[in-house]
Amino acid sequence: MRIAAYICAFGAVLLAAQAAQAAHAASAQQASFPTFLAALGATPNTNYGKQIVESLRLQTTLSNPKLALTIFMPEDKYFDALAAKLNVKPTAMSKNTGLMRQARGRNSNGDAISGGLAARGVLLYHFVTGPTGVRKVLPTSALQAGQRLDTMYQSSTTRKPYQLAVNAVNGKLQIKSVGTTAYIVKPNIRAGAGLVHMINNVLVPMNLNNIPRF
């Protein structure tokens, strides 16, 4: 009887372990969407990103399932945090009047940016085509400290893409732009042929101190 009880107890523990392992595997499986626009529409806390895409009329482009990009997307609260730092109303951030208008000036390559160009530039600065000179979608497993990532934001003078840098800080991957740094908080969301990494800051192609205050 005692042996039978031990066998039953061991079986129960084994089943519990298997169930826990299955639950962990399910939680580790990332969301998948047919396009970036679908991913943006279904992912919580991305309202500002949606509004910026709509204001720039990029819905058709981002509905292409073959769009093979790595996109870093900040959650809403990080737009709010940057708006507070710049003393801009959070709602203005998504209407091309706050950061987008205030980003008038010159970026790190000396290009003048203002208005719609600034809005488009800030957004495209989050769209990565791959490491320097290579077209490649980048899951977190392919991101390494020391990498430079080509973005879709190009210099109007050199015609070269602006880049983001990948650093490792305390064992975590950090994405560094000219004006800000960010960490990936929700990785590897499949969006058609591309991937989305949710990040905890807005990537800005110029030093924040160079953004005029009005």
N, C-alpha and C. Protein backbone atom coordinates (compact mmCIF):
# COMPACT_ATOMS: atom_id res chain seq x y z
N MET A 1 0.83 -1.20 0.00
CA MET A 1 0.00 0.00 0.00
C MET A 1 0.86 1.26 0.00
N ARG A 2 1.91 1.19 0.85
CA ARG A 2 2.77 2.37 0.93
C ARG A 2 3.47 2.61 -0.40
N ILE A 3 3.94 1.54 -1.06
CA ILE A 3 4.60 1.68 -2.38
C ILE A 3 3.62 2.27 -3.40
N ALA A 4 2.39 1.80 -3.37
CA ALA A 4 1.37 2.31 -4.29
C ALA A 4 1.14 3.80 -4.06
N ALA A 5 1.13 4.20 -2.79
CA ALA A 5 0.93 5.62 -2.46
C ALA A 5 2.08 6.46 -2.99
N TYR A 6 3.31 5.93 -2.84
CA TYR A 6 4.47 6.65 -3.35
C TYR A 6 4.40 6.80 -4.87
N ILE A 7 3.97 5.71 -5.53
CA ILE A 7 3.85 5.75 -6.99
C ILE A 7 2.82 6.80 -7.42
N CYS A 8 1.69 6.83 -6.71
CA CYS A 8 0.64 7.80 -7.03
C CYS A 8 1.14 9.23 -6.80
N ALA A 9 1.87 9.43 -5.68
CA ALA A 9 2.39 10.76 -5.38
C ALA A 9 3.40 11.20 -6.43
N PHE A 10 4.29 10.27 -6.81
CA PHE A 10 5.29 10.58 -7.83
C PHE A 10 4.62 10.92 -9.16
N GLY A 11 3.56 10.15 -9.49
CA GLY A 11 2.83 10.42 -10.72
C GLY A 11 2.20 11.79 -10.71
N ALA A 12 1.64 12.19 -9.56
CA ALA A 12 1.01 13.50 -9.44
C ALA A 12 2.05 14.62 -9.61
N VAL A 13 3.22 14.44 -8.99
CA VAL A 13 4.29 15.43 -9.12
C VAL A 13 4.74 15.55 -10.57
N LEU A 14 4.88 14.39 -11.24
CA LEU A 14 5.31 14.38 -12.63
C LEU A 14 4.31 15.09 -13.53
N LEU A 15 3.02 14.83 -13.31
CA LEU A 15 1.98 15.50 -14.10
C LEU A 15 1.99 17.00 -13.87
N ALA A 16 2.18 17.40 -12.60
CA ALA A 16 2.23 18.83 -12.28
C ALA A 16 3.41 19.50 -12.96
N ALA A 17 4.56 18.83 -12.97
CA ALA A 17 5.74 19.38 -13.62
C ALA A 17 5.53 19.53 -15.12
N GLN A 18 4.88 18.51 -15.72
CA GLN A 18 4.61 18.57 -17.16
C GLN A 18 3.65 19.71 -17.49
N ALA A 19 2.65 19.89 -16.63
CA ALA A 19 1.68 20.97 -16.85
C ALA A 19 2.36 22.33 -16.73
N ALA A 20 3.26 22.46 -15.74
CA ALA A 20 3.97 23.72 -15.56
C ALA A 20 4.87 24.01 -16.76
N GLN A 21 5.52 22.95 -17.26
CA GLN A 21 6.39 23.12 -18.42
C GLN A 21 5.59 23.54 -19.65
N ALA A 22 4.43 22.95 -19.83
CA ALA A 22 3.57 23.31 -20.97
C ALA A 22 3.09 24.75 -20.85
N ALA A 23 2.74 25.16 -19.64
CA ALA A 23 2.28 26.54 -19.43
C ALA A 23 3.40 27.52 -19.71
N HIS A 24 4.63 27.16 -19.28
CA HIS A 24 5.77 28.04 -19.53
C HIS A 24 6.04 28.16 -21.02
N ALA A 25 5.95 27.05 -21.73
CA ALA A 25 6.17 27.07 -23.18
C ALA A 25 5.13 27.93 -23.87
N ALA A 26 3.89 27.83 -23.41
CA ALA A 26 2.82 28.62 -24.03
C ALA A 26 3.03 30.11 -23.79
N SER A 27 3.47 30.44 -22.56
CA SER A 27 3.69 31.86 -22.25
C SER A 27 4.88 32.41 -22.99
N ALA A 28 5.87 31.54 -23.29
CA ALA A 28 7.06 31.99 -24.00
C ALA A 28 6.79 32.19 -25.48
N GLN A 29 5.73 31.55 -26.00
CA GLN A 29 5.40 31.69 -27.41
C GLN A 29 4.89 33.10 -27.68
N GLN A 30 5.50 33.79 -28.63
CA GLN A 30 5.17 35.17 -28.89
C GLN A 30 3.97 35.28 -29.83
N ALA A 31 3.32 36.44 -29.74
CA ALA A 31 2.17 36.72 -30.59
C ALA A 31 2.61 36.78 -32.05
N SER A 32 1.68 36.50 -32.95
CA SER A 32 1.97 36.53 -34.38
C SER A 32 0.82 37.19 -35.12
N PHE A 33 1.15 38.10 -36.05
CA PHE A 33 0.14 38.83 -36.81
C PHE A 33 0.53 38.84 -38.28
N PRO A 34 -0.44 38.98 -39.18
CA PRO A 34 -0.13 38.91 -40.62
C PRO A 34 0.65 40.10 -41.15
N THR A 35 0.50 41.28 -40.51
CA THR A 35 1.19 42.49 -40.96
C THR A 35 1.56 43.33 -39.75
N PHE A 36 2.42 44.32 -40.00
CA PHE A 36 2.77 45.24 -38.92
C PHE A 36 1.55 46.04 -38.48
N LEU A 37 0.72 46.48 -39.43
CA LEU A 37 -0.45 47.27 -39.07
C LEU A 37 -1.39 46.45 -38.18
N ALA A 38 -1.54 45.16 -38.49
CA ALA A 38 -2.38 44.29 -37.66
C ALA A 38 -1.78 44.14 -36.27
N ALA A 39 -0.46 44.00 -36.19
CA ALA A 39 0.20 43.87 -34.89
C ALA A 39 0.01 45.14 -34.07
N LEU A 40 0.14 46.28 -34.72
CA LEU A 40 -0.03 47.55 -34.03
C LEU A 40 -1.45 47.71 -33.53
N GLY A 41 -2.43 47.27 -34.35
CA GLY A 41 -3.82 47.40 -33.96
C GLY A 41 -4.22 46.48 -32.83
N ALA A 42 -3.54 45.34 -32.70
CA ALA A 42 -3.93 44.35 -31.69
C ALA A 42 -3.08 44.40 -30.42
N THR A 43 -1.98 45.12 -30.45
CA THR A 43 -1.07 45.18 -29.30
C THR A 43 -1.51 46.29 -28.36
N PRO A 44 -1.72 45.99 -27.08
CA PRO A 44 -2.16 47.02 -26.13
C PRO A 44 -1.14 48.13 -25.98
N ASN A 45 -1.62 49.32 -25.60
CA ASN A 45 -0.77 50.46 -25.25
C ASN A 45 0.08 50.96 -26.41
N THR A 46 -0.48 50.94 -27.62
CA THR A 46 0.24 51.46 -28.78
C THR A 46 -0.61 52.49 -29.53
N ASN A 47 -1.46 53.21 -28.80
CA ASN A 47 -2.35 54.17 -29.44
C ASN A 47 -1.59 55.30 -30.14
N TYR A 48 -0.53 55.80 -29.49
CA TYR A 48 0.22 56.89 -30.11
C TYR A 48 0.87 56.43 -31.41
N GLY A 49 1.43 55.22 -31.41
CA GLY A 49 2.02 54.69 -32.62
C GLY A 49 1.01 54.59 -33.75
N LYS A 50 -0.20 54.13 -33.42
CA LYS A 50 -1.26 54.03 -34.42
C LYS A 50 -1.59 55.41 -34.99
N GLN A 51 -1.71 56.40 -34.12
CA GLN A 51 -2.09 57.74 -34.57
C GLN A 51 -1.01 58.37 -35.44
N ILE A 52 0.26 58.13 -35.11
CA ILE A 52 1.34 58.66 -35.93
C ILE A 52 1.33 58.01 -37.31
N VAL A 53 1.14 56.69 -37.35
CA VAL A 53 1.06 55.99 -38.63
C VAL A 53 -0.09 56.54 -39.47
N GLU A 54 -1.23 56.77 -38.84
CA GLU A 54 -2.39 57.31 -39.55
C GLU A 54 -2.12 58.73 -40.04
N SER A 55 -1.48 59.56 -39.20
CA SER A 55 -1.23 60.95 -39.59
C SER A 55 -0.28 61.03 -40.77
N LEU A 56 0.61 60.04 -40.90
CA LEU A 56 1.55 60.02 -42.02
C LEU A 56 1.04 59.17 -43.19
N ARG A 57 -0.17 58.62 -43.03
CA ARG A 57 -0.83 57.85 -44.09
C ARG A 57 0.03 56.66 -44.56
N LEU A 58 0.52 55.92 -43.58
CA LEU A 58 1.37 54.77 -43.89
C LEU A 58 0.63 53.44 -43.74
N GLN A 59 -0.69 53.49 -43.63
CA GLN A 59 -1.45 52.25 -43.41
C GLN A 59 -1.23 51.24 -44.54
N THR A 60 -1.25 51.70 -45.79
CA THR A 60 -1.09 50.77 -46.91
C THR A 60 0.29 50.13 -46.89
N THR A 61 1.31 50.94 -46.68
CA THR A 61 2.68 50.41 -46.64
C THR A 61 2.83 49.36 -45.54
N LEU A 62 2.29 49.65 -44.38
CA LEU A 62 2.47 48.76 -43.23
C LEU A 62 1.48 47.60 -43.23
N SER A 63 0.62 47.53 -44.26
CA SER A 63 -0.28 46.39 -44.43
C SER A 63 0.32 45.34 -45.36
N ASN A 64 1.54 45.56 -45.81
CA ASN A 64 2.21 44.61 -46.71
C ASN A 64 2.78 43.45 -45.89
N PRO A 65 2.30 42.23 -46.08
CA PRO A 65 2.79 41.09 -45.29
C PRO A 65 4.23 40.72 -45.61
N LYS A 66 4.77 41.25 -46.72
CA LYS A 66 6.15 40.94 -47.11
C LYS A 66 7.14 41.98 -46.61
N LEU A 67 6.68 42.91 -45.80
CA LEU A 67 7.56 43.97 -45.29
C LEU A 67 8.53 43.37 -44.26
N ALA A 68 9.77 43.12 -44.70
CA ALA A 68 10.74 42.41 -43.86
C ALA A 68 11.61 43.41 -43.09
N LEU A 69 11.04 43.95 -42.02
CA LEU A 69 11.73 44.93 -41.19
C LEU A 69 11.74 44.48 -39.74
N THR A 70 12.67 45.02 -38.99
CA THR A 70 12.64 44.92 -37.53
C THR A 70 12.21 46.28 -37.01
N ILE A 71 11.11 46.31 -36.30
CA ILE A 71 10.54 47.59 -35.86
C ILE A 71 10.56 47.68 -34.34
N PHE A 72 11.14 48.76 -33.83
CA PHE A 72 11.14 49.04 -32.40
C PHE A 72 9.99 50.00 -32.11
N MET A 73 9.02 49.56 -31.30
CA MET A 73 7.84 50.37 -31.05
C MET A 73 7.70 50.69 -29.57
N PRO A 74 7.70 51.97 -29.20
CA PRO A 74 7.50 52.34 -27.80
C PRO A 74 6.03 52.19 -27.39
N GLU A 75 5.80 51.79 -26.15
CA GLU A 75 4.45 51.80 -25.60
C GLU A 75 4.05 53.23 -25.28
N ASP A 76 2.74 53.46 -25.11
CA ASP A 76 2.21 54.81 -24.91
C ASP A 76 2.87 55.55 -23.74
N LYS A 77 3.10 54.84 -22.63
CA LYS A 77 3.61 55.53 -21.44
C LYS A 77 5.00 56.11 -21.68
N TYR A 78 5.72 55.58 -22.66
CA TYR A 78 7.05 56.11 -22.93
C TYR A 78 6.97 57.34 -23.83
N PHE A 79 5.94 57.43 -24.67
CA PHE A 79 5.66 58.69 -25.35
C PHE A 79 5.30 59.76 -24.32
N ASP A 80 4.49 59.37 -23.33
CA ASP A 80 4.11 60.31 -22.27
C ASP A 80 5.33 60.81 -21.51
N ALA A 81 6.25 59.90 -21.20
CA ALA A 81 7.45 60.27 -20.44
C ALA A 81 8.31 61.25 -21.23
N LEU A 82 8.47 61.00 -22.54
CA LEU A 82 9.27 61.91 -23.35
C LEU A 82 8.56 63.25 -23.50
N ALA A 83 7.23 63.23 -23.63
CA ALA A 83 6.47 64.47 -23.72
C ALA A 83 6.67 65.32 -22.47
N ALA A 84 6.66 64.66 -21.30
CA ALA A 84 6.87 65.38 -20.05
C ALA A 84 8.27 65.99 -19.98
N LYS A 85 9.25 65.24 -20.47
CA LYS A 85 10.63 65.72 -20.45
C LYS A 85 10.79 66.94 -21.36
N LEU A 86 10.04 66.95 -22.47
CA LEU A 86 10.12 68.05 -23.42
C LEU A 86 9.11 69.15 -23.14
N ASN A 87 8.31 68.94 -22.07
CA ASN A 87 7.28 69.91 -21.71
C ASN A 87 6.27 70.10 -22.85
N VAL A 88 5.82 68.97 -23.38
CA VAL A 88 4.85 68.95 -24.48
C VAL A 88 3.64 68.15 -24.01
N LYS A 89 2.45 68.53 -24.45
CA LYS A 89 1.26 67.74 -24.11
C LYS A 89 1.36 66.36 -24.75
N PRO A 90 1.08 65.29 -24.00
CA PRO A 90 1.18 63.95 -24.56
C PRO A 90 0.37 63.75 -25.83
N THR A 91 -0.83 64.34 -25.89
CA THR A 91 -1.66 64.15 -27.08
C THR A 91 -1.03 64.78 -28.31
N ALA A 92 -0.20 65.80 -28.11
CA ALA A 92 0.44 66.45 -29.25
C ALA A 92 1.48 65.55 -29.89
N MET A 93 2.00 64.60 -29.12
CA MET A 93 3.04 63.72 -29.65
C MET A 93 2.55 62.94 -30.86
N SER A 94 1.28 62.57 -30.85
CA SER A 94 0.76 61.72 -31.92
C SER A 94 0.09 62.51 -33.02
N LYS A 95 0.07 63.83 -32.90
CA LYS A 95 -0.62 64.63 -33.91
C LYS A 95 0.33 65.49 -34.72
N ASN A 96 1.61 65.12 -34.69
CA ASN A 96 2.60 65.81 -35.49
C ASN A 96 2.68 67.29 -35.13
N THR A 97 2.44 67.63 -33.86
CA THR A 97 2.55 69.02 -33.45
C THR A 97 3.43 69.19 -32.22
N GLY A 98 3.63 68.12 -31.46
CA GLY A 98 4.43 68.21 -30.23
C GLY A 98 5.89 67.99 -30.53
N LEU A 99 6.37 66.80 -30.21
CA LEU A 99 7.77 66.48 -30.50
C LEU A 99 8.04 66.67 -31.98
N MET A 100 7.09 66.27 -32.81
CA MET A 100 7.31 66.29 -34.24
C MET A 100 7.53 67.71 -34.75
N ARG A 101 6.80 68.66 -34.19
CA ARG A 101 6.99 70.05 -34.59
C ARG A 101 8.21 70.63 -33.87
N GLN A 102 8.38 70.27 -32.60
CA GLN A 102 9.46 70.83 -31.82
C GLN A 102 10.82 70.28 -32.22
N ALA A 103 10.83 69.19 -32.98
CA ALA A 103 12.10 68.61 -33.40
C ALA A 103 12.78 69.42 -34.49
N ARG A 104 12.25 70.63 -34.73
CA ARG A 104 12.89 71.48 -35.72
C ARG A 104 14.32 71.78 -35.30
N GLY A 105 15.20 71.80 -36.24
CA GLY A 105 16.60 72.02 -35.96
C GLY A 105 17.42 71.16 -36.89
N ARG A 106 18.55 70.66 -36.39
CA ARG A 106 19.38 69.79 -37.21
C ARG A 106 19.70 68.52 -36.45
N ASN A 107 19.66 67.41 -37.18
CA ASN A 107 19.94 66.14 -36.54
C ASN A 107 21.45 65.92 -36.48
N SER A 108 21.85 64.69 -36.11
CA SER A 108 23.27 64.43 -35.87
C SER A 108 24.13 64.55 -37.12
N ASN A 109 23.53 64.48 -38.31
CA ASN A 109 24.29 64.62 -39.56
C ASN A 109 24.23 66.03 -40.12
N GLY A 110 23.59 66.92 -39.36
CA GLY A 110 23.50 68.30 -39.81
C GLY A 110 22.36 68.59 -40.75
N ASP A 111 21.48 67.61 -40.99
CA ASP A 111 20.32 67.83 -41.86
C ASP A 111 19.26 68.62 -41.12
N ALA A 112 18.68 69.60 -41.79
CA ALA A 112 17.57 70.35 -41.20
C ALA A 112 16.32 69.49 -41.22
N ILE A 113 15.60 69.45 -40.09
CA ILE A 113 14.36 68.69 -40.03
C ILE A 113 13.29 69.53 -39.38
N SER A 114 12.06 69.44 -39.88
CA SER A 114 10.95 70.18 -39.30
C SER A 114 9.64 69.59 -39.77
N GLY A 115 8.58 69.89 -39.02
CA GLY A 115 7.24 69.51 -39.41
C GLY A 115 7.08 68.05 -39.77
N GLY A 116 6.42 67.80 -40.94
CA GLY A 116 6.16 66.43 -41.37
C GLY A 116 7.42 65.63 -41.57
N LEU A 117 8.51 66.29 -42.03
CA LEU A 117 9.76 65.58 -42.21
C LEU A 117 10.26 65.06 -40.87
N ALA A 118 10.11 65.87 -39.82
CA ALA A 118 10.54 65.42 -38.49
C ALA A 118 9.72 64.24 -38.02
N ALA A 119 8.41 64.32 -38.22
CA ALA A 119 7.53 63.22 -37.80
C ALA A 119 7.89 61.94 -38.52
N ARG A 120 8.06 62.04 -39.83
CA ARG A 120 8.39 60.85 -40.61
C ARG A 120 9.76 60.31 -40.22
N GLY A 121 10.71 61.24 -39.99
CA GLY A 121 12.05 60.82 -39.61
C GLY A 121 12.08 60.09 -38.29
N VAL A 122 11.37 60.61 -37.28
CA VAL A 122 11.34 59.97 -35.97
C VAL A 122 10.72 58.58 -36.09
N LEU A 123 9.66 58.45 -36.87
CA LEU A 123 9.02 57.14 -37.03
C LEU A 123 9.95 56.17 -37.77
N LEU A 124 10.52 56.60 -38.90
CA LEU A 124 11.38 55.71 -39.69
C LEU A 124 12.67 55.37 -38.97
N TYR A 125 13.03 56.16 -37.98
CA TYR A 125 14.21 55.87 -37.16
C TYR A 125 13.99 54.62 -36.31
N HIS A 126 12.74 54.19 -36.17
CA HIS A 126 12.41 52.97 -35.42
C HIS A 126 12.32 51.75 -36.34
N PHE A 127 12.45 51.95 -37.66
CA PHE A 127 12.33 50.86 -38.63
C PHE A 127 13.72 50.46 -39.09
N VAL A 128 14.12 49.23 -38.79
CA VAL A 128 15.48 48.76 -39.06
C VAL A 128 15.46 47.76 -40.21
N THR A 129 16.36 47.97 -41.17
CA THR A 129 16.46 47.05 -42.30
C THR A 129 17.45 45.92 -42.01
N GLY A 130 18.37 46.13 -41.06
CA GLY A 130 19.34 45.09 -40.70
C GLY A 130 20.62 45.70 -40.18
N PRO A 131 21.61 44.86 -39.86
CA PRO A 131 22.92 45.40 -39.48
C PRO A 131 23.57 46.08 -40.67
N THR A 132 24.62 46.85 -40.42
CA THR A 132 25.23 47.70 -41.45
C THR A 132 25.36 47.00 -42.80
N GLY A 133 24.65 47.55 -43.80
CA GLY A 133 24.76 47.07 -45.17
C GLY A 133 24.13 45.73 -45.47
N VAL A 134 23.43 45.13 -44.50
CA VAL A 134 22.84 43.80 -44.69
C VAL A 134 21.34 43.87 -44.46
N ARG A 135 20.57 43.28 -45.36
CA ARG A 135 19.11 43.21 -45.20
C ARG A 135 18.78 41.96 -44.40
N LYS A 136 18.29 42.13 -43.20
CA LYS A 136 18.05 40.98 -42.34
C LYS A 136 17.09 41.36 -41.21
N VAL A 137 16.06 40.52 -41.00
CA VAL A 137 15.17 40.70 -39.86
C VAL A 137 15.89 40.18 -38.62
N LEU A 138 15.77 40.92 -37.51
CA LEU A 138 16.59 40.64 -36.33
C LEU A 138 15.76 40.27 -35.10
N PRO A 139 15.61 38.97 -34.82
CA PRO A 139 15.08 38.59 -33.51
C PRO A 139 16.10 38.94 -32.44
N THR A 140 15.69 38.92 -31.18
CA THR A 140 16.63 39.30 -30.12
C THR A 140 17.85 38.39 -30.09
N SER A 141 17.69 37.15 -30.53
CA SER A 141 18.83 36.22 -30.53
C SER A 141 19.91 36.65 -31.52
N ALA A 142 19.56 37.51 -32.50
CA ALA A 142 20.52 37.96 -33.50
C ALA A 142 21.10 39.34 -33.16
N LEU A 143 20.59 39.98 -32.11
CA LEU A 143 21.11 41.28 -31.70
C LEU A 143 22.31 41.08 -30.79
N GLN A 144 23.41 41.77 -31.08
CA GLN A 144 24.64 41.61 -30.32
C GLN A 144 25.24 42.97 -30.00
N ALA A 145 25.86 43.06 -28.82
CA ALA A 145 26.53 44.30 -28.44
C ALA A 145 27.59 44.65 -29.47
N GLY A 146 27.64 45.93 -29.82
CA GLY A 146 28.60 46.40 -30.82
C GLY A 146 28.02 46.53 -32.21
N GLN A 147 26.83 45.96 -32.44
CA GLN A 147 26.21 46.07 -33.76
C GLN A 147 25.76 47.50 -34.03
N ARG A 148 25.78 47.87 -35.30
CA ARG A 148 25.17 49.11 -35.77
C ARG A 148 24.04 48.70 -36.70
N LEU A 149 22.87 49.28 -36.50
CA LEU A 149 21.68 48.90 -37.25
C LEU A 149 21.26 50.01 -38.20
N ASP A 150 21.09 49.68 -39.47
CA ASP A 150 20.61 50.65 -40.46
C ASP A 150 19.11 50.86 -40.27
N THR A 151 18.69 52.12 -40.22
CA THR A 151 17.26 52.42 -40.15
C THR A 151 16.77 52.92 -41.51
N MET A 152 15.47 53.09 -41.64
CA MET A 152 14.88 53.59 -42.88
C MET A 152 14.91 55.11 -42.96
N TYR A 153 15.45 55.76 -41.92
CA TYR A 153 15.60 57.22 -41.94
C TYR A 153 16.96 57.54 -42.57
N GLN A 154 16.94 58.18 -43.73
CA GLN A 154 18.18 58.46 -44.46
C GLN A 154 18.54 59.93 -44.38
N SER A 155 19.84 60.19 -44.41
CA SER A 155 20.34 61.56 -44.45
C SER A 155 20.02 62.18 -45.81
N SER A 156 19.54 63.40 -45.80
CA SER A 156 19.24 64.09 -47.06
C SER A 156 20.51 64.57 -47.75
N THR A 157 21.62 64.61 -47.02
CA THR A 157 22.88 65.07 -47.61
C THR A 157 23.76 63.90 -48.05
N THR A 158 23.92 62.89 -47.21
CA THR A 158 24.80 61.77 -47.56
C THR A 158 24.06 60.61 -48.21
N ARG A 159 22.73 60.59 -48.09
CA ARG A 159 21.88 59.50 -48.59
C ARG A 159 22.18 58.18 -47.88
N LYS A 160 22.84 58.24 -46.77
CA LYS A 160 23.11 57.03 -45.99
C LYS A 160 22.10 56.92 -44.85
N PRO A 161 21.80 55.69 -44.42
CA PRO A 161 20.82 55.54 -43.34
C PRO A 161 21.39 55.95 -42.00
N TYR A 162 20.55 56.57 -41.19
CA TYR A 162 20.93 56.80 -39.80
C TYR A 162 20.94 55.45 -39.11
N GLN A 163 21.79 55.34 -38.10
CA GLN A 163 21.95 54.05 -37.45
C GLN A 163 21.61 54.11 -35.96
N LEU A 164 21.25 52.95 -35.44
CA LEU A 164 21.09 52.73 -34.01
C LEU A 164 22.24 51.81 -33.57
N ALA A 165 22.63 51.93 -32.32
CA ALA A 165 23.70 51.08 -31.79
C ALA A 165 23.10 50.09 -30.79
N VAL A 166 23.67 48.89 -30.75
CA VAL A 166 23.27 47.88 -29.78
C VAL A 166 24.36 47.77 -28.72
N ASN A 167 23.98 47.95 -27.46
CA ASN A 167 24.90 47.81 -26.34
C ASN A 167 24.40 46.72 -25.40
N ALA A 168 25.26 46.24 -24.54
CA ALA A 168 24.86 45.31 -23.48
C ALA A 168 25.13 46.00 -22.14
N VAL A 169 24.08 46.17 -21.35
CA VAL A 169 24.20 46.84 -20.05
C VAL A 169 23.61 45.92 -18.98
N ASN A 170 24.45 45.49 -18.06
CA ASN A 170 24.02 44.57 -16.99
C ASN A 170 23.29 43.35 -17.54
N GLY A 171 23.81 42.83 -18.64
CA GLY A 171 23.24 41.63 -19.22
C GLY A 171 22.01 41.86 -20.07
N LYS A 172 21.59 43.11 -20.25
CA LYS A 172 20.41 43.43 -21.05
C LYS A 172 20.82 44.16 -22.32
N LEU A 173 20.11 43.86 -23.42
CA LEU A 173 20.37 44.56 -24.67
C LEU A 173 19.79 45.97 -24.62
N GLN A 174 20.60 46.93 -24.99
CA GLN A 174 20.17 48.33 -25.00
C GLN A 174 20.25 48.84 -26.44
N ILE A 175 19.22 49.54 -26.87
CA ILE A 175 19.20 50.16 -28.19
C ILE A 175 19.47 51.65 -27.99
N LYS A 176 20.54 52.14 -28.60
CA LYS A 176 20.96 53.52 -28.38
C LYS A 176 20.76 54.36 -29.64
N SER A 177 20.02 55.44 -29.49
CA SER A 177 19.86 56.42 -30.57
C SER A 177 20.72 57.64 -30.23
N VAL A 178 20.65 58.68 -31.05
CA VAL A 178 21.42 59.89 -30.78
C VAL A 178 20.96 60.55 -29.48
N GLY A 179 19.63 60.64 -29.31
CA GLY A 179 19.12 61.40 -28.17
C GLY A 179 18.66 60.57 -26.99
N THR A 180 18.41 59.28 -27.17
CA THR A 180 17.84 58.46 -26.10
C THR A 180 18.36 57.03 -26.18
N THR A 181 18.11 56.27 -25.13
CA THR A 181 18.38 54.84 -25.14
C THR A 181 17.11 54.09 -24.71
N ALA A 182 17.02 52.83 -25.10
CA ALA A 182 15.82 52.05 -24.78
C ALA A 182 16.21 50.59 -24.56
N TYR A 183 15.39 49.90 -23.78
CA TYR A 183 15.52 48.46 -23.60
C TYR A 183 14.29 47.78 -24.19
N ILE A 184 14.48 46.57 -24.67
CA ILE A 184 13.36 45.79 -25.22
C ILE A 184 12.57 45.19 -24.07
N VAL A 185 11.26 45.45 -24.04
CA VAL A 185 10.41 44.95 -22.94
C VAL A 185 9.50 43.81 -23.39
N LYS A 186 9.15 43.76 -24.68
CA LYS A 186 8.35 42.67 -25.23
C LYS A 186 8.95 42.31 -26.59
N PRO A 187 9.73 41.23 -26.65
CA PRO A 187 10.47 40.93 -27.88
C PRO A 187 9.71 40.04 -28.87
N ASN A 188 10.19 40.07 -30.10
CA ASN A 188 9.89 39.04 -31.11
C ASN A 188 8.41 38.83 -31.39
N ILE A 189 7.67 39.93 -31.59
CA ILE A 189 6.28 39.84 -32.02
C ILE A 189 6.28 39.73 -33.54
N ARG A 190 5.82 38.61 -34.05
CA ARG A 190 5.84 38.37 -35.49
C ARG A 190 4.81 39.25 -36.18
N ALA A 191 5.26 39.95 -37.24
CA ALA A 191 4.37 40.82 -38.01
C ALA A 191 4.63 40.57 -39.49
N GLY A 192 3.95 39.58 -40.05
CA GLY A 192 4.20 39.19 -41.43
C GLY A 192 5.62 38.68 -41.56
N ALA A 193 6.36 39.25 -42.52
CA ALA A 193 7.75 38.84 -42.73
C ALA A 193 8.71 39.53 -41.76
N GLY A 194 8.20 40.42 -40.93
CA GLY A 194 9.05 41.18 -40.02
C GLY A 194 8.80 40.86 -38.56
N LEU A 195 9.47 41.61 -37.71
CA LEU A 195 9.35 41.44 -36.26
C LEU A 195 9.20 42.80 -35.59
N VAL A 196 8.46 42.81 -34.49
CA VAL A 196 8.31 44.00 -33.67
C VAL A 196 8.89 43.72 -32.29
N HIS A 197 9.70 44.66 -31.79
CA HIS A 197 10.17 44.62 -30.41
C HIS A 197 9.60 45.85 -29.70
N MET A 198 8.81 45.64 -28.66
CA MET A 198 8.31 46.75 -27.87
C MET A 198 9.45 47.26 -26.98
N ILE A 199 9.63 48.59 -26.96
CA ILE A 199 10.74 49.18 -26.20
C ILE A 199 10.23 50.21 -25.20
N ASN A 200 11.11 50.59 -24.26
CA ASN A 200 10.69 51.46 -23.17
C ASN A 200 11.15 52.91 -23.32
N ASN A 201 11.31 53.35 -24.56
CA ASN A 201 11.61 54.76 -24.80
C ASN A 201 11.37 55.06 -26.27
N VAL A 202 11.26 56.34 -26.60
CA VAL A 202 11.16 56.78 -27.98
C VAL A 202 12.58 57.06 -28.47
N LEU A 203 12.93 56.51 -29.62
CA LEU A 203 14.26 56.73 -30.20
C LEU A 203 14.25 58.04 -30.99
N VAL A 204 15.19 58.93 -30.68
CA VAL A 204 15.19 60.27 -31.26
C VAL A 204 16.51 60.51 -31.99
N PRO A 205 16.46 60.98 -33.26
CA PRO A 205 17.69 61.13 -34.06
C PRO A 205 18.45 62.43 -33.83
N MET A 206 18.26 63.06 -32.70
CA MET A 206 19.01 64.27 -32.36
C MET A 206 19.08 64.38 -30.85
N ASN A 207 20.07 65.12 -30.37
CA ASN A 207 20.21 65.33 -28.93
C ASN A 207 19.01 66.11 -28.41
N LEU A 208 18.43 65.65 -27.30
CA LEU A 208 17.23 66.31 -26.77
C LEU A 208 17.51 67.76 -26.40
N ASN A 209 18.74 68.07 -26.03
CA ASN A 209 19.07 69.44 -25.67
C ASN A 209 19.03 70.37 -26.87
N ASN A 210 19.07 69.81 -28.07
CA ASN A 210 19.04 70.62 -29.29
C ASN A 210 17.62 70.84 -29.82
N ILE A 211 16.63 70.29 -29.15
CA ILE A 211 15.25 70.49 -29.57
C ILE A 211 14.75 71.80 -28.98
N PRO A 212 14.37 72.76 -29.82
CA PRO A 212 13.91 74.06 -29.30
C PRO A 212 12.65 73.90 -28.45
N ARG A 213 12.54 74.68 -27.40
CA ARG A 213 11.32 74.74 -26.57
C ARG A 213 10.56 75.99 -26.95
N PHE A 214 9.22 75.85 -27.05
CA PHE A 214 8.38 76.99 -27.44
C PHE A 214 7.34 77.24 -26.37
